[in-house]
Amino acid sequence: MWLTFIDTPINEYDVRLVVEAPRGYCPHCRQHMVLRPTEVHPTRRMTIRLINTIARWMKEASAALVAKQLRLSESTVLRADKDALTLADKKAPINMDKRNFIIIDEKYLGHVRKFVTIVIDGYTGELLWLKEGKSEGSLSEFFAGLGDEQRADIKFVSIDRSNSYLSAVRKWLPHAAVSFDPFHLIANLNSAIDEVRRQICRDMEKGERQVMKGKRFLLLRWIESMNKDSRKILEELLTLNKPLSEAYLLKEEFRKFLKAETFRLAAAGFRKWILMARKSSLKPFNNLAETLTRNRRQVLHTLRYGLSSGRIEGVNSMISRILHKARGIPSIGYLRLKLRQRTSPDFARLI
């Protein structure tokens, strides 16, 4: 029988390949089968060359733009992209051997799909796991799929302060050093400062609140990144308000132990900060001190090993760009493939 396949267009000309495909009968399956050339997709009427071209273009461009350039529908482009990535995923499955350091985080995808749990290699940034949800079960499924030697290879784990993730890691990797990533520690600190600011605003008379208006990000910024005018405004603000001045002092002391040159200095700075926060008159900092005290071991691991979580934030930004270009992702499986294309060199070389 004769089959027609769509191939990559040449300039303004569309290309169609007409191929004679023999039809055979499989006595085991008891079905008739059409034997397709290896250069075409197993089920689509498209060549491998075309779907790989679409996948490469979709890495940089939107589905709408690729569809316009190839004179195809957006739905066809999205299906072809997923097909190319699926074939590459089968040829280059994720290898979990010798993974020494992993980073675990969650990402909010919107009100429909809510959260996904993400696991990446802490050194290379390669995606290792993507699962819908942010519960202990979402992460436990990843660990359950590993062999004993693969789990033993994981010596360091960086997570946010999610109790569900910490429970799963302690259950499956009791030998691993677990640390809280510095990004989330700073985020917790900023939340405490912001809560102090909001409380001050609530206690002010309506006419007095103007002095606090537009000062939120000024309080959260590092002082070395401010210009002369911003520093002057900050100094005036802290002079006028004692609780705010106390919160800012705690912020600067927090930064000191995070940036200490040695673990000994960092650990001493952390203990000093906990005492200062506990004695503070600011309830948000009292609560943060108690939380960090309960998770003291994880904070000290962060200070000892200095493992950065910058790669996971890069992956989170990457997800946002993918969702924008594709006008949403029809499935978590497709999102996983798109991230593999961008984070795994072995995977990308197959396309």
C-alpha atoms as a PDB file:
ATOM      1  CA  MET A   1       0.000   0.000   0.000  1.00  0.00           C
ATOM      2  CA  TRP A   2       1.040   3.622  -0.507  1.00  0.00           C
ATOM      3  CA  LEU A   3       1.371   6.065   2.414  1.00  0.00           C
ATOM      4  CA  THR A   4       1.869   9.834   2.381  1.00  0.00           C
ATOM      5  CA  PHE A   5       3.980  11.575   5.014  1.00  0.00           C
ATOM      6  CA  ILE A   6       4.533  15.261   5.765  1.00  0.00           C
ATOM      7  CA  ASP A   7       8.183  16.306   5.675  1.00  0.00           C
ATOM      8  CA  THR A   8      10.019  19.525   6.531  1.00  0.00           C
ATOM      9  CA  PRO A   9       9.068  22.269   4.034  1.00  0.00           C
ATOM     10  CA  ILE A  10      11.674  23.786   1.739  1.00  0.00           C
ATOM     11  CA  ASN A  11      11.306  27.573   1.710  1.00  0.00           C
ATOM     12  CA  GLU A  12       7.725  28.287   0.596  1.00  0.00           C
ATOM     13  CA  TYR A  13       7.148  24.740  -0.713  1.00  0.00           C
ATOM     14  CA  ASP A  14       5.396  22.060   1.312  1.00  0.00           C
ATOM     15  CA  VAL A  15       6.949  18.594   1.034  1.00  0.00           C
ATOM     16  CA  ARG A  16       5.037  15.313   0.959  1.00  0.00           C
ATOM     17  CA  LEU A  17       6.711  11.907   0.725  1.00  0.00           C
ATOM     18  CA  VAL A  18       4.782   9.082  -0.902  1.00  0.00           C
ATOM     19  CA  VAL A  19       6.154   5.706   0.177  1.00  0.00           C
ATOM     20  CA  GLU A  20       5.171   2.163  -0.707  1.00  0.00           C
ATOM     21  CA  ALA A  21       4.760   0.324   2.599  1.00  0.00           C
ATOM     22  CA  PRO A  22       4.414  -3.481   2.563  1.00  0.00           C
ATOM     23  CA  ARG A  23       1.609  -4.986   4.576  1.00  0.00           C
ATOM     24  CA  GLY A  24       2.231  -8.192   6.510  1.00  0.00           C
ATOM     25  CA  TYR A  25       0.411 -10.557   8.831  1.00  0.00           C
ATOM     26  CA  CYS A  26       1.703 -11.432  12.334  1.00  0.00           C
ATOM     27  CA  PRO A  27       0.619 -14.976  13.318  1.00  0.00           C
ATOM     28  CA  HIS A  28       1.362 -14.276  17.007  1.00  0.00           C
ATOM     29  CA  CYS A  29      -0.724 -11.080  17.200  1.00  0.00           C
ATOM     30  CA  ARG A  30      -3.149 -12.319  14.578  1.00  0.00           C
ATOM     31  CA  GLN A  31      -3.184  -8.848  13.076  1.00  0.00           C
ATOM     32  CA  HIS A  32      -2.234  -7.273   9.780  1.00  0.00           C
ATOM     33  CA  MET A  33       0.603  -4.735  10.099  1.00  0.00           C
ATOM     34  CA  VAL A  34       1.979  -2.047   7.806  1.00  0.00           C
ATOM     35  CA  LEU A  35       5.776  -1.898   7.823  1.00  0.00           C
ATOM     36  CA  ARG A  36       6.813   1.730   7.853  1.00  0.00           C
ATOM     37  CA  PRO A  37      10.276   3.084   6.966  1.00  0.00           C
ATOM     38  CA  THR A  38      12.450   3.868   9.978  1.00  0.00           C
ATOM     39  CA  GLU A  39      12.649   7.512   8.852  1.00  0.00           C
ATOM     40  CA  VAL A  40       8.964   8.127   9.659  1.00  0.00           C
ATOM     41  CA  HIS A  41       7.100   8.214  12.950  1.00  0.00           C
ATOM     42  CA  PRO A  42       5.643   4.830  14.056  1.00  0.00           C
ATOM     43  CA  THR A  43       2.065   6.156  14.251  1.00  0.00           C
ATOM     44  CA  ARG A  44       1.957   9.696  12.785  1.00  0.00           C
ATOM     45  CA  ARG A  45       1.938  10.634   9.128  1.00  0.00           C
ATOM     46  CA  MET A  46       5.109  12.687   9.638  1.00  0.00           C
ATOM     47  CA  THR A  47       8.827  12.092   9.181  1.00  0.00           C
ATOM     48  CA  ILE A  48      11.208  11.879  12.129  1.00  0.00           C
ATOM     49  CA  ARG A  49      13.075  14.790  10.565  1.00  0.00           C
ATOM     50  CA  LEU A  50       9.989  16.998  10.759  1.00  0.00           C
ATOM     51  CA  ILE A  51       9.022  16.180  14.344  1.00  0.00           C
ATOM     52  CA  ASN A  52      12.637  16.708  15.466  1.00  0.00           C
ATOM     53  CA  THR A  53      12.687  20.057  13.651  1.00  0.00           C
ATOM     54  CA  ILE A  54       9.490  21.047  15.439  1.00  0.00           C
ATOM     55  CA  ALA A  55      10.949  19.986  18.812  1.00  0.00           C
ATOM     56  CA  ARG A  56      14.125  22.024  18.244  1.00  0.00           C
ATOM     57  CA  TRP A  57      12.147  25.097  17.189  1.00  0.00           C
ATOM     58  CA  MET A  58       9.699  24.705  20.078  1.00  0.00           C
ATOM     59  CA  LYS A  59      12.627  24.907  22.497  1.00  0.00           C
ATOM     60  CA  GLU A  60      13.033  28.582  21.591  1.00  0.00           C
ATOM     61  CA  ALA A  61       9.769  29.693  19.968  1.00  0.00           C
ATOM     62  CA  SER A  62       6.072  29.570  20.766  1.00  0.00           C
ATOM     63  CA  ALA A  63       3.715  26.961  19.373  1.00  0.00           C
ATOM     64  CA  ALA A  64       1.884  29.671  17.427  1.00  0.00           C
ATOM     65  CA  LEU A  65       5.061  30.891  15.710  1.00  0.00           C
ATOM     66  CA  VAL A  66       6.278  27.383  14.804  1.00  0.00           C
ATOM     67  CA  ALA A  67       2.840  26.506  13.422  1.00  0.00           C
ATOM     68  CA  LYS A  68       2.856  29.641  11.266  1.00  0.00           C
ATOM     69  CA  GLN A  69       6.351  28.959   9.908  1.00  0.00           C
ATOM     70  CA  LEU A  70       5.590  25.327   9.008  1.00  0.00           C
ATOM     71  CA  ARG A  71       2.007  26.014   7.880  1.00  0.00           C
ATOM     72  CA  LEU A  72       0.576  23.542  10.380  1.00  0.00           C
ATOM     73  CA  SER A  73      -2.020  23.846  13.125  1.00  0.00           C
ATOM     74  CA  GLU A  74      -0.921  24.580  16.698  1.00  0.00           C
ATOM     75  CA  SER A  75      -2.381  21.279  17.876  1.00  0.00           C
ATOM     76  CA  THR A  76      -0.344  19.389  15.249  1.00  0.00           C
ATOM     77  CA  VAL A  77       2.818  21.196  16.333  1.00  0.00           C
ATOM     78  CA  LEU A  78       2.215  20.389  20.019  1.00  0.00           C
ATOM     79  CA  ARG A  79       1.545  16.708  19.226  1.00  0.00           C
ATOM     80  CA  ALA A  80       4.666  16.480  17.058  1.00  0.00           C
ATOM     81  CA  ASP A  81       6.768  18.135  19.749  1.00  0.00           C
ATOM     82  CA  LYS A  82       5.532  15.665  22.349  1.00  0.00           C
ATOM     83  CA  ASP A  83       6.126  12.737  19.956  1.00  0.00           C
ATOM     84  CA  ALA A  84       9.746  13.754  19.342  1.00  0.00           C
ATOM     85  CA  LEU A  85      10.418  14.160  23.041  1.00  0.00           C
ATOM     86  CA  THR A  86       8.731  10.834  23.867  1.00  0.00           C
ATOM     87  CA  LEU A  87      10.946   8.970  21.380  1.00  0.00           C
ATOM     88  CA  ALA A  88      14.058  10.624  22.851  1.00  0.00           C
ATOM     89  CA  ASP A  89      12.905   9.792  26.386  1.00  0.00           C
ATOM     90  CA  LYS A  90      12.668   6.105  25.501  1.00  0.00           C
ATOM     91  CA  LYS A  91      16.170   6.111  24.010  1.00  0.00           C
ATOM     92  CA  ALA A  92      17.754   8.018  26.912  1.00  0.00           C
ATOM     93  CA  PRO A  93      15.958   7.167  30.178  1.00  0.00           C
ATOM     94  CA  ILE A  94      17.031   8.933  33.347  1.00  0.00           C
ATOM     95  CA  ASN A  95      20.079   7.290  34.922  1.00  0.00           C
ATOM     96  CA  MET A  96      19.991   7.546  38.723  1.00  0.00           C
ATOM     97  CA  ASP A  97      23.383   5.921  39.357  1.00  0.00           C
ATOM     98  CA  LYS A  98      25.994   7.984  41.230  1.00  0.00           C
ATOM     99  CA  ARG A  99      23.649  10.866  42.017  1.00  0.00           C
ATOM    100  CA  ASN A 100      25.368  12.425  45.024  1.00  0.00           C
ATOM    101  CA  PHE A 101      23.342  15.603  45.618  1.00  0.00           C
ATOM    102  CA  ILE A 102      19.666  16.251  44.872  1.00  0.00           C
ATOM    103  CA  ILE A 103      17.466  19.316  45.304  1.00  0.00           C
ATOM    104  CA  ILE A 104      13.735  18.996  46.011  1.00  0.00           C
ATOM    105  CA  ASP A 105      11.204  21.784  45.577  1.00  0.00           C
ATOM    106  CA  GLU A 106       7.612  22.513  44.647  1.00  0.00           C
ATOM    107  CA  LYS A 107       6.249  24.665  41.835  1.00  0.00           C
ATOM    108  CA  TYR A 108       2.786  26.204  41.568  1.00  0.00           C
ATOM    109  CA  LEU A 109       1.338  25.734  38.060  1.00  0.00           C
ATOM    110  CA  GLY A 110      -1.975  27.526  38.532  1.00  0.00           C
ATOM    111  CA  HIS A 111      -5.432  26.924  39.966  1.00  0.00           C
ATOM    112  CA  VAL A 112      -6.090  23.876  37.770  1.00  0.00           C
ATOM    113  CA  ARG A 113      -3.029  21.679  38.272  1.00  0.00           C
ATOM    114  CA  LYS A 114      -1.945  23.329  41.526  1.00  0.00           C
ATOM    115  CA  PHE A 115       1.511  22.086  42.608  1.00  0.00           C
ATOM    116  CA  VAL A 116       4.146  19.720  41.252  1.00  0.00           C
ATOM    117  CA  THR A 117       7.082  18.178  43.119  1.00  0.00           C
ATOM    118  CA  ILE A 118      10.423  18.589  41.354  1.00  0.00           C
ATOM    119  CA  VAL A 119      13.694  16.720  41.959  1.00  0.00           C
ATOM    120  CA  ILE A 120      16.879  17.744  40.153  1.00  0.00           C
ATOM    121  CA  ASP A 121      20.567  16.858  40.308  1.00  0.00           C
ATOM    122  CA  GLY A 122      22.147  19.515  42.526  1.00  0.00           C
ATOM    123  CA  TYR A 123      25.371  19.621  40.540  1.00  0.00           C
ATOM    124  CA  THR A 124      24.170  19.445  36.929  1.00  0.00           C
ATOM    125  CA  GLY A 125      20.583  20.734  37.201  1.00  0.00           C
ATOM    126  CA  GLU A 126      19.229  17.702  35.303  1.00  0.00           C
ATOM    127  CA  LEU A 127      15.582  16.897  35.967  1.00  0.00           C
ATOM    128  CA  LEU A 128      15.217  13.593  37.818  1.00  0.00           C
ATOM    129  CA  TRP A 129      11.549  13.588  38.846  1.00  0.00           C
ATOM    130  CA  LEU A 130       8.359  15.547  38.273  1.00  0.00           C
ATOM    131  CA  LYS A 131       5.122  14.542  39.945  1.00  0.00           C
ATOM    132  CA  GLU A 132       1.786  16.232  40.489  1.00  0.00           C
ATOM    133  CA  GLY A 133       1.167  17.254  44.109  1.00  0.00           C
ATOM    134  CA  LYS A 134       3.438  18.370  46.942  1.00  0.00           C
ATOM    135  CA  SER A 135       2.777  15.691  49.552  1.00  0.00           C
ATOM    136  CA  GLU A 136       5.043  13.094  51.110  1.00  0.00           C
ATOM    137  CA  GLY A 137       3.558  10.549  48.703  1.00  0.00           C
ATOM    138  CA  SER A 138       4.589  12.603  45.662  1.00  0.00           C
ATOM    139  CA  LEU A 139       8.216  12.361  46.775  1.00  0.00           C
ATOM    140  CA  SER A 140       8.096   8.858  48.263  1.00  0.00           C
ATOM    141  CA  GLU A 141       7.150   7.450  44.864  1.00  0.00           C
ATOM    142  CA  PHE A 142      10.456   8.788  43.514  1.00  0.00           C
ATOM    143  CA  PHE A 143      12.517   7.159  46.269  1.00  0.00           C
ATOM    144  CA  ALA A 144      10.580   3.885  46.018  1.00  0.00           C
ATOM    145  CA  GLY A 145      11.584   3.596  42.357  1.00  0.00           C
ATOM    146  CA  LEU A 146      15.291   3.703  43.190  1.00  0.00           C
ATOM    147  CA  GLY A 147      17.467   0.724  43.984  1.00  0.00           C
ATOM    148  CA  ASP A 148      19.223   0.332  47.343  1.00  0.00           C
ATOM    149  CA  GLU A 149      22.588   1.343  45.863  1.00  0.00           C
ATOM    150  CA  GLN A 150      21.094   4.371  44.145  1.00  0.00           C
ATOM    151  CA  ARG A 151      19.549   5.582  47.400  1.00  0.00           C
ATOM    152  CA  ALA A 152      22.851   4.957  49.198  1.00  0.00           C
ATOM    153  CA  ASP A 153      24.655   7.130  46.624  1.00  0.00           C
ATOM    154  CA  ILE A 154      22.610  10.198  47.638  1.00  0.00           C
ATOM    155  CA  LYS A 155      24.627  11.884  50.379  1.00  0.00           C
ATOM    156  CA  PHE A 156      23.173  15.422  50.315  1.00  0.00           C
ATOM    157  CA  VAL A 157      19.596  16.650  49.973  1.00  0.00           C
ATOM    158  CA  SER A 158      18.477  20.290  49.799  1.00  0.00           C
ATOM    159  CA  ILE A 159      14.794  21.063  50.436  1.00  0.00           C
ATOM    160  CA  ASP A 160      12.541  23.904  51.548  1.00  0.00           C
ATOM    161  CA  ARG A 161      11.050  23.782  55.050  1.00  0.00           C
ATOM    162  CA  SER A 162       8.184  21.507  54.000  1.00  0.00           C
ATOM    163  CA  ASN A 163       7.522  18.930  56.712  1.00  0.00           C
ATOM    164  CA  SER A 164       6.093  16.501  54.149  1.00  0.00           C
ATOM    165  CA  TYR A 165       9.307  16.481  52.097  1.00  0.00           C
ATOM    166  CA  LEU A 166      11.461  16.206  55.219  1.00  0.00           C
ATOM    167  CA  SER A 167       9.456  13.194  56.433  1.00  0.00           C
ATOM    168  CA  ALA A 168       9.917  11.410  53.102  1.00  0.00           C
ATOM    169  CA  VAL A 169      13.661  12.100  53.011  1.00  0.00           C
ATOM    170  CA  ARG A 170      14.169  10.893  56.586  1.00  0.00           C
ATOM    171  CA  LYS A 171      12.218   7.733  55.831  1.00  0.00           C
ATOM    172  CA  TRP A 172      14.013   6.787  52.607  1.00  0.00           C
ATOM    173  CA  LEU A 173      17.440   8.407  53.070  1.00  0.00           C
ATOM    174  CA  PRO A 174      18.242   8.229  56.796  1.00  0.00           C
ATOM    175  CA  HIS A 175      21.962   8.469  56.018  1.00  0.00           C
ATOM    176  CA  ALA A 176      21.765  11.693  53.937  1.00  0.00           C
ATOM    177  CA  ALA A 177      22.671  15.162  55.185  1.00  0.00           C
ATOM    178  CA  VAL A 178      19.520  17.273  54.727  1.00  0.00           C
ATOM    179  CA  SER A 179      19.834  21.042  54.387  1.00  0.00           C
ATOM    180  CA  PHE A 180      17.376  23.878  53.896  1.00  0.00           C
ATOM    181  CA  ASP A 181      18.241  25.809  50.786  1.00  0.00           C
ATOM    182  CA  PRO A 182      19.398  29.388  51.487  1.00  0.00           C
ATOM    183  CA  PHE A 183      16.781  30.854  49.120  1.00  0.00           C
ATOM    184  CA  HIS A 184      13.918  29.590  51.287  1.00  0.00           C
ATOM    185  CA  LEU A 185      15.648  30.644  54.507  1.00  0.00           C
ATOM    186  CA  ILE A 186      15.870  34.194  53.155  1.00  0.00           C
ATOM    187  CA  ALA A 187      12.236  33.942  52.024  1.00  0.00           C
ATOM    188  CA  ASN A 188      11.215  32.984  55.588  1.00  0.00           C
ATOM    189  CA  LEU A 189      13.211  35.918  56.948  1.00  0.00           C
ATOM    190  CA  ASN A 190      11.548  38.323  54.501  1.00  0.00           C
ATOM    191  CA  SER A 191       8.119  36.997  55.491  1.00  0.00           C
ATOM    192  CA  ALA A 192       8.886  37.802  59.142  1.00  0.00           C
ATOM    193  CA  ILE A 193       9.980  41.354  58.237  1.00  0.00           C
ATOM    194  CA  ASP A 194       6.874  41.849  56.109  1.00  0.00           C
ATOM    195  CA  GLU A 195       4.618  40.661  58.921  1.00  0.00           C
ATOM    196  CA  VAL A 196       6.223  43.189  61.295  1.00  0.00           C
ATOM    197  CA  ARG A 197       5.655  45.948  58.727  1.00  0.00           C
ATOM    198  CA  ARG A 198       1.995  44.975  58.272  1.00  0.00           C
ATOM    199  CA  GLN A 199       1.440  44.903  62.036  1.00  0.00           C
ATOM    200  CA  ILE A 200       2.926  48.386  62.354  1.00  0.00           C
ATOM    201  CA  CYS A 201       0.628  49.634  59.586  1.00  0.00           C
ATOM    202  CA  ARG A 202      -2.411  48.122  61.321  1.00  0.00           C
ATOM    203  CA  ASP A 203      -1.535  49.891  64.568  1.00  0.00           C
ATOM    204  CA  MET A 204      -1.054  53.285  62.885  1.00  0.00           C
ATOM    205  CA  GLU A 205      -3.709  55.903  62.441  1.00  0.00           C
ATOM    206  CA  LYS A 206      -5.010  56.138  58.893  1.00  0.00           C
ATOM    207  CA  GLY A 207      -3.224  59.432  58.230  1.00  0.00           C
ATOM    208  CA  GLU A 208       0.109  58.090  59.545  1.00  0.00           C
ATOM    209  CA  ARG A 209       0.250  55.105  57.194  1.00  0.00           C
ATOM    210  CA  GLN A 210       1.524  57.247  54.341  1.00  0.00           C
ATOM    211  CA  VAL A 211       5.047  57.086  55.779  1.00  0.00           C
ATOM    212  CA  MET A 212       5.054  53.278  55.311  1.00  0.00           C
ATOM    213  CA  LYS A 213       3.544  53.306  51.843  1.00  0.00           C
ATOM    214  CA  GLY A 214       5.846  51.919  49.131  1.00  0.00           C
ATOM    215  CA  LYS A 215       8.546  50.876  51.648  1.00  0.00           C
ATOM    216  CA  ARG A 216       8.070  47.093  51.523  1.00  0.00           C
ATOM    217  CA  PHE A 217      10.763  46.279  48.980  1.00  0.00           C
ATOM    218  CA  LEU A 218      13.086  48.893  50.486  1.00  0.00           C
ATOM    219  CA  LEU A 219      13.065  46.909  53.737  1.00  0.00           C
ATOM    220  CA  LEU A 220      13.714  43.610  51.929  1.00  0.00           C
ATOM    221  CA  ARG A 221      16.594  44.804  49.749  1.00  0.00           C
ATOM    222  CA  TRP A 222      20.226  44.358  50.756  1.00  0.00           C
ATOM    223  CA  ILE A 223      21.747  47.671  51.766  1.00  0.00           C
ATOM    224  CA  GLU A 224      24.730  47.340  49.398  1.00  0.00           C
ATOM    225  CA  SER A 225      22.364  47.286  46.430  1.00  0.00           C
ATOM    226  CA  MET A 226      20.777  50.629  47.397  1.00  0.00           C
ATOM    227  CA  ASN A 227      21.749  54.020  46.059  1.00  0.00           C
ATOM    228  CA  LYS A 228      22.444  57.012  48.310  1.00  0.00           C
ATOM    229  CA  ASP A 229      18.839  58.291  48.245  1.00  0.00           C
ATOM    230  CA  SER A 230      17.365  54.896  49.130  1.00  0.00           C
ATOM    231  CA  ARG A 231      19.755  54.516  52.065  1.00  0.00           C
ATOM    232  CA  LYS A 232      18.748  57.914  53.394  1.00  0.00           C
ATOM    233  CA  ILE A 233      15.034  57.047  53.203  1.00  0.00           C
ATOM    234  CA  LEU A 234      15.708  53.728  54.954  1.00  0.00           C
ATOM    235  CA  GLU A 235      17.674  55.393  57.759  1.00  0.00           C
ATOM    236  CA  GLU A 236      14.896  57.910  58.342  1.00  0.00           C
ATOM    237  CA  LEU A 237      12.270  55.155  58.386  1.00  0.00           C
ATOM    238  CA  LEU A 238      14.197  53.028  60.902  1.00  0.00           C
ATOM    239  CA  THR A 239      14.859  56.054  63.124  1.00  0.00           C
ATOM    240  CA  LEU A 240      11.138  56.788  63.345  1.00  0.00           C
ATOM    241  CA  ASN A 241      10.046  53.243  64.190  1.00  0.00           C
ATOM    242  CA  LYS A 242      11.731  51.108  66.861  1.00  0.00           C
ATOM    243  CA  PRO A 243      10.074  47.715  65.997  1.00  0.00           C
ATOM    244  CA  LEU A 244      11.026  48.173  62.350  1.00  0.00           C
ATOM    245  CA  SER A 245      14.584  49.054  63.344  1.00  0.00           C
ATOM    246  CA  GLU A 246      14.746  45.907  65.484  1.00  0.00           C
ATOM    247  CA  ALA A 247      13.471  43.774  62.587  1.00  0.00           C
ATOM    248  CA  TYR A 248      16.067  45.248  60.236  1.00  0.00           C
ATOM    249  CA  LEU A 249      18.861  44.580  62.746  1.00  0.00           C
ATOM    250  CA  LEU A 250      17.771  40.929  62.967  1.00  0.00           C
ATOM    251  CA  LYS A 251      17.766  40.765  59.185  1.00  0.00           C
ATOM    252  CA  GLU A 252      21.377  41.991  58.984  1.00  0.00           C
ATOM    253  CA  GLU A 253      22.512  39.553  61.686  1.00  0.00           C
ATOM    254  CA  PHE A 254      20.811  36.732  59.776  1.00  0.00           C
ATOM    255  CA  ARG A 255      22.762  37.658  56.665  1.00  0.00           C
ATOM    256  CA  LYS A 256      26.029  37.665  58.590  1.00  0.00           C
ATOM    257  CA  PHE A 257      25.872  34.026  59.632  1.00  0.00           C
ATOM    258  CA  LEU A 258      24.707  32.932  56.177  1.00  0.00           C
ATOM    259  CA  LYS A 259      27.723  34.657  54.595  1.00  0.00           C
ATOM    260  CA  ALA A 260      30.313  33.664  57.231  1.00  0.00           C
ATOM    261  CA  GLU A 261      33.606  32.414  55.801  1.00  0.00           C
ATOM    262  CA  THR A 262      33.881  29.309  58.023  1.00  0.00           C
ATOM    263  CA  PHE A 263      31.378  26.858  59.422  1.00  0.00           C
ATOM    264  CA  ARG A 264      32.513  27.627  62.960  1.00  0.00           C
ATOM    265  CA  LEU A 265      31.730  31.327  62.550  1.00  0.00           C
ATOM    266  CA  ALA A 266      28.437  30.541  60.801  1.00  0.00           C
ATOM    267  CA  ALA A 267      27.304  28.150  63.564  1.00  0.00           C
ATOM    268  CA  ALA A 268      28.223  30.681  66.263  1.00  0.00           C
ATOM    269  CA  GLY A 269      26.366  33.412  64.360  1.00  0.00           C
ATOM    270  CA  PHE A 270      23.312  31.183  64.019  1.00  0.00           C
ATOM    271  CA  ARG A 271      23.204  30.491  67.773  1.00  0.00           C
ATOM    272  CA  LYS A 272      23.613  34.224  68.472  1.00  0.00           C
ATOM    273  CA  TRP A 273      20.763  35.052  66.078  1.00  0.00           C
ATOM    274  CA  ILE A 274      18.433  32.520  67.701  1.00  0.00           C
ATOM    275  CA  LEU A 275      19.032  34.140  71.130  1.00  0.00           C
ATOM    276  CA  MET A 276      18.449  37.628  69.712  1.00  0.00           C
ATOM    277  CA  ALA A 277      15.236  36.578  67.920  1.00  0.00           C
ATOM    278  CA  ARG A 278      13.880  34.819  71.023  1.00  0.00           C
ATOM    279  CA  LYS A 279      14.485  37.906  73.192  1.00  0.00           C
ATOM    280  CA  SER A 280      12.973  40.167  70.563  1.00  0.00           C
ATOM    281  CA  SER A 281       9.623  41.844  71.141  1.00  0.00           C
ATOM    282  CA  LEU A 282       8.591  40.853  67.600  1.00  0.00           C
ATOM    283  CA  LYS A 283       6.339  37.775  67.480  1.00  0.00           C
ATOM    284  CA  PRO A 284       7.090  36.848  63.807  1.00  0.00           C
ATOM    285  CA  PHE A 285      10.787  36.592  64.702  1.00  0.00           C
ATOM    286  CA  ASN A 286      10.009  34.659  67.892  1.00  0.00           C
ATOM    287  CA  ASN A 287       8.117  32.128  65.767  1.00  0.00           C
ATOM    288  CA  LEU A 288      10.875  31.934  63.156  1.00  0.00           C
ATOM    289  CA  ALA A 289      13.485  31.343  65.868  1.00  0.00           C
ATOM    290  CA  GLU A 290      11.459  28.463  67.323  1.00  0.00           C
ATOM    291  CA  THR A 291      10.971  26.906  63.899  1.00  0.00           C
ATOM    292  CA  LEU A 292      14.666  27.099  63.031  1.00  0.00           C
ATOM    293  CA  THR A 293      15.577  25.707  66.454  1.00  0.00           C
ATOM    294  CA  ARG A 294      13.396  22.657  65.837  1.00  0.00           C
ATOM    295  CA  ASN A 295      15.144  22.184  62.499  1.00  0.00           C
ATOM    296  CA  ARG A 296      18.600  23.144  63.772  1.00  0.00           C
ATOM    297  CA  ARG A 297      20.337  20.169  62.168  1.00  0.00           C
ATOM    298  CA  GLN A 298      19.124  21.054  58.671  1.00  0.00           C
ATOM    299  CA  VAL A 299      20.191  24.703  59.079  1.00  0.00           C
ATOM    300  CA  LEU A 300      23.645  23.666  60.291  1.00  0.00           C
ATOM    301  CA  HIS A 301      24.004  21.341  57.286  1.00  0.00           C
ATOM    302  CA  THR A 302      23.220  24.334  55.075  1.00  0.00           C
ATOM    303  CA  LEU A 303      25.984  26.314  56.765  1.00  0.00           C
ATOM    304  CA  ARG A 304      28.472  23.425  56.775  1.00  0.00           C
ATOM    305  CA  TYR A 305      28.176  22.270  53.164  1.00  0.00           C
ATOM    306  CA  GLY A 306      27.197  25.542  51.492  1.00  0.00           C
ATOM    307  CA  LEU A 307      25.090  23.739  48.882  1.00  0.00           C
ATOM    308  CA  SER A 308      23.394  26.290  46.642  1.00  0.00           C
ATOM    309  CA  SER A 309      19.807  25.910  45.457  1.00  0.00           C
ATOM    310  CA  GLY A 310      20.196  28.319  42.558  1.00  0.00           C
ATOM    311  CA  ARG A 311      19.660  25.551  40.004  1.00  0.00           C
ATOM    312  CA  ILE A 312      16.146  24.750  41.225  1.00  0.00           C
ATOM    313  CA  GLU A 313      15.157  28.402  40.944  1.00  0.00           C
ATOM    314  CA  GLY A 314      16.452  28.298  37.372  1.00  0.00           C
ATOM    315  CA  VAL A 315      14.227  25.277  36.701  1.00  0.00           C
ATOM    316  CA  ASN A 316      11.221  27.098  38.197  1.00  0.00           C
ATOM    317  CA  SER A 317      11.845  30.042  35.868  1.00  0.00           C
ATOM    318  CA  MET A 318      12.212  27.608  32.982  1.00  0.00           C
ATOM    319  CA  ILE A 319       8.797  26.100  33.758  1.00  0.00           C
ATOM    320  CA  SER A 320       7.200  29.547  33.652  1.00  0.00           C
ATOM    321  CA  ARG A 321       8.715  30.223  30.212  1.00  0.00           C
ATOM    322  CA  ILE A 322       7.579  26.833  28.891  1.00  0.00           C
ATOM    323  CA  LEU A 323       4.007  27.428  30.042  1.00  0.00           C
ATOM    324  CA  HIS A 324       4.002  30.839  28.395  1.00  0.00           C
ATOM    325  CA  LYS A 325       5.384  29.673  25.043  1.00  0.00           C
ATOM    326  CA  ALA A 326       3.115  26.640  24.783  1.00  0.00           C
ATOM    327  CA  ARG A 327       0.074  28.573  26.060  1.00  0.00           C
ATOM    328  CA  GLY A 328      -0.262  26.093  28.862  1.00  0.00           C
ATOM    329  CA  ILE A 329       0.809  22.473  29.157  1.00  0.00           C
ATOM    330  CA  PRO A 330      -1.810  19.800  28.403  1.00  0.00           C
ATOM    331  CA  SER A 331      -0.237  17.253  30.751  1.00  0.00           C
ATOM    332  CA  ILE A 332       2.384  16.882  33.483  1.00  0.00           C
ATOM    333  CA  GLY A 333       4.061  14.225  31.333  1.00  0.00           C
ATOM    334  CA  TYR A 334       4.591  16.735  28.515  1.00  0.00           C
ATOM    335  CA  LEU A 335       6.031  19.284  30.949  1.00  0.00           C
ATOM    336  CA  ARG A 336       8.452  16.634  32.229  1.00  0.00           C
ATOM    337  CA  LEU A 337       9.648  15.954  28.666  1.00  0.00           C
ATOM    338  CA  LYS A 338      10.123  19.669  27.967  1.00  0.00           C
ATOM    339  CA  LEU A 339      12.249  20.025  31.093  1.00  0.00           C
ATOM    340  CA  ARG A 340      14.312  16.973  30.196  1.00  0.00           C
ATOM    341  CA  GLN A 341      15.046  18.530  26.810  1.00  0.00           C
ATOM    342  CA  ARG A 342      16.421  21.648  28.512  1.00  0.00           C
ATOM    343  CA  THR A 343      18.311  20.052  31.395  1.00  0.00           C
ATOM    344  CA  SER A 344      19.745  16.797  29.975  1.00  0.00           C
ATOM    345  CA  PRO A 345      22.488  17.077  27.300  1.00  0.00           C
ATOM    346  CA  ASP A 346      22.175  13.362  26.411  1.00  0.00           C
ATOM    347  CA  PHE A 347      18.439  13.771  25.862  1.00  0.00           C
ATOM    348  CA  ALA A 348      18.794  16.941  23.784  1.00  0.00           C
ATOM    349  CA  ARG A 349      21.395  15.353  21.472  1.00  0.00           C
ATOM    350  CA  LEU A 350      18.826  12.803  20.278  1.00  0.00           C
ATOM    351  CA  ILE A 351      16.601  15.501  18.771  1.00  0.00           C
END
